[in-house]
Amino acid sequence: MLYAKNSSEKDSDKNLILRFKETQDLEILGELYNRYTHLIYGVCLKYLKSREESQDSVIQIFELLITEIPKHEIDVFKSWLYGVTRNYCLMKLRKQKVQNKK
């Protein structure tokens, strides 16, 4: 996927984040999605132990990123994304646990 002006698949995560913050262009976020889908899926699978829930969570996490990226200064996207993913899964598990007690 190529973008106009100074863009290619070789763009750094930091450059993509800056461009996304400036433009809110979902195609830029899509490039990050393509790079890190496997990471997010793996983390979700580790915590949620369900392929279907993990696949759904990958999509939900990237929808969450649309609003979260502009709120944060992100130096190392991969580490930040891992933390966001882990926290998302833990919150999901906590909600399920509460629902199961009812």
Protein backbone atom coordinates (compact mmCIF):
# COMPACT_ATOMS: atom_id res chain seq x y z
CA MET A 1 0.00 0.00 0.00
CA LEU A 2 1.60 3.27 -1.08
CA TYR A 3 0.69 6.75 0.05
CA ALA A 4 1.25 10.14 -1.49
CA LYS A 5 4.21 12.31 -0.46
CA ASN A 6 7.11 10.75 1.42
CA SER A 7 5.36 7.51 2.14
CA SER A 8 6.12 3.91 1.61
CA GLU A 9 6.00 0.67 3.49
CA LYS A 10 9.35 1.68 4.98
CA ASP A 11 7.85 4.60 6.92
CA SER A 12 8.72 4.30 10.57
CA ASP A 13 5.98 3.72 13.08
CA LYS A 14 6.70 7.13 14.56
CA ASN A 15 6.23 8.85 11.18
CA LEU A 16 2.99 6.99 10.58
CA ILE A 17 1.72 7.99 14.02
CA LEU A 18 2.59 11.63 13.43
CA ARG A 19 0.87 11.57 10.05
CA PHE A 20 -2.19 9.90 11.53
CA LYS A 21 -2.40 12.50 14.30
CA GLU A 22 -2.24 15.28 11.70
CA THR A 23 -4.69 13.84 9.17
CA GLN A 24 -6.82 11.21 10.98
CA ASP A 25 -6.41 9.23 7.73
CA LEU A 26 -7.52 5.66 8.45
CA GLU A 27 -5.30 4.32 5.64
CA ILE A 28 -2.29 5.34 7.71
CA LEU A 29 -3.70 3.49 10.69
CA GLY A 30 -4.29 0.59 8.29
CA GLU A 31 -0.56 0.39 7.64
CA LEU A 32 0.07 0.04 11.38
CA TYR A 33 -2.75 -2.51 11.51
CA ASN A 34 -1.06 -4.58 8.80
CA ARG A 35 2.26 -4.46 10.65
CA TYR A 36 0.94 -5.44 14.07
CA THR A 37 -2.15 -7.60 13.57
CA HIS A 38 -0.14 -10.75 14.33
CA LEU A 39 1.25 -9.23 17.56
CA ILE A 40 -2.17 -8.16 18.82
CA TYR A 41 -3.76 -11.46 17.87
CA GLY A 42 -1.02 -13.41 19.66
CA VAL A 43 -1.35 -11.37 22.85
CA CYS A 44 -5.14 -11.68 22.76
CA LEU A 45 -4.92 -15.43 22.19
CA LYS A 46 -2.53 -15.76 25.13
CA TYR A 47 -4.95 -14.02 27.49
CA LEU A 48 -8.38 -14.86 26.09
CA LYS A 49 -7.65 -18.46 25.00
CA SER A 50 -10.21 -18.21 22.20
CA ARG A 51 -9.51 -17.71 18.51
CA GLU A 52 -12.85 -16.06 17.82
CA GLU A 53 -12.62 -13.67 20.77
CA SER A 54 -9.05 -12.85 19.82
CA GLN A 55 -9.99 -12.06 16.22
CA ASP A 56 -12.84 -9.81 17.40
CA SER A 57 -10.54 -8.13 19.90
CA VAL A 58 -7.96 -7.28 17.22
CA ILE A 59 -10.60 -5.28 15.36
CA GLN A 60 -11.91 -3.65 18.54
CA ILE A 61 -8.41 -2.66 19.62
CA PHE A 62 -7.69 -0.96 16.31
CA GLU A 63 -11.02 0.88 16.56
CA LEU A 64 -9.89 1.99 20.01
CA LEU A 65 -6.60 3.26 18.56
CA ILE A 66 -8.47 5.80 16.41
CA THR A 67 -9.26 7.75 19.58
CA GLU A 68 -6.31 6.72 21.76
CA ILE A 69 -3.36 7.53 19.50
CA PRO A 70 -4.09 11.27 19.36
CA LYS A 71 -4.25 11.39 23.20
CA HIS A 72 -0.77 9.97 23.80
CA GLU A 73 2.87 10.72 23.11
CA ILE A 74 4.10 7.41 21.74
CA ASP A 75 7.84 6.83 21.51
CA VAL A 76 7.90 3.10 20.79
CA PHE A 77 4.62 2.08 19.17
CA LYS A 78 5.15 -1.67 19.45
CA SER A 79 5.65 -1.52 23.24
CA TRP A 80 2.79 0.93 23.70
CA LEU A 81 0.50 -1.24 21.58
CA TYR A 82 1.46 -4.34 23.57
CA GLY A 83 0.45 -2.54 26.77
CA VAL A 84 -2.84 -1.35 25.28
CA THR A 85 -3.59 -4.87 24.06
CA ARG A 86 -2.71 -6.50 27.38
CA ASN A 87 -4.85 -4.01 29.31
CA TYR A 88 -7.75 -4.48 26.88
CA CYS A 89 -7.63 -8.26 27.37
CA LEU A 90 -7.38 -8.00 31.16
CA MET A 91 -10.37 -5.65 31.27
CA LYS A 92 -12.33 -8.02 29.02
CA LEU A 93 -11.50 -10.96 31.30
CA ARG A 94 -12.45 -8.94 34.37
CA LYS A 95 -15.84 -8.05 32.82
CA GLN A 96 -16.46 -11.70 31.93
CA LYS A 97 -15.60 -12.76 35.47
CA VAL A 98 -18.08 -10.26 36.93
CA GLN A 99 -20.79 -11.36 34.49
CA ASN A 100 -20.22 -15.02 35.35
CA LYS A 101 -20.72 -14.31 39.07
CA LYS A 102 -24.21 -12.86 38.45
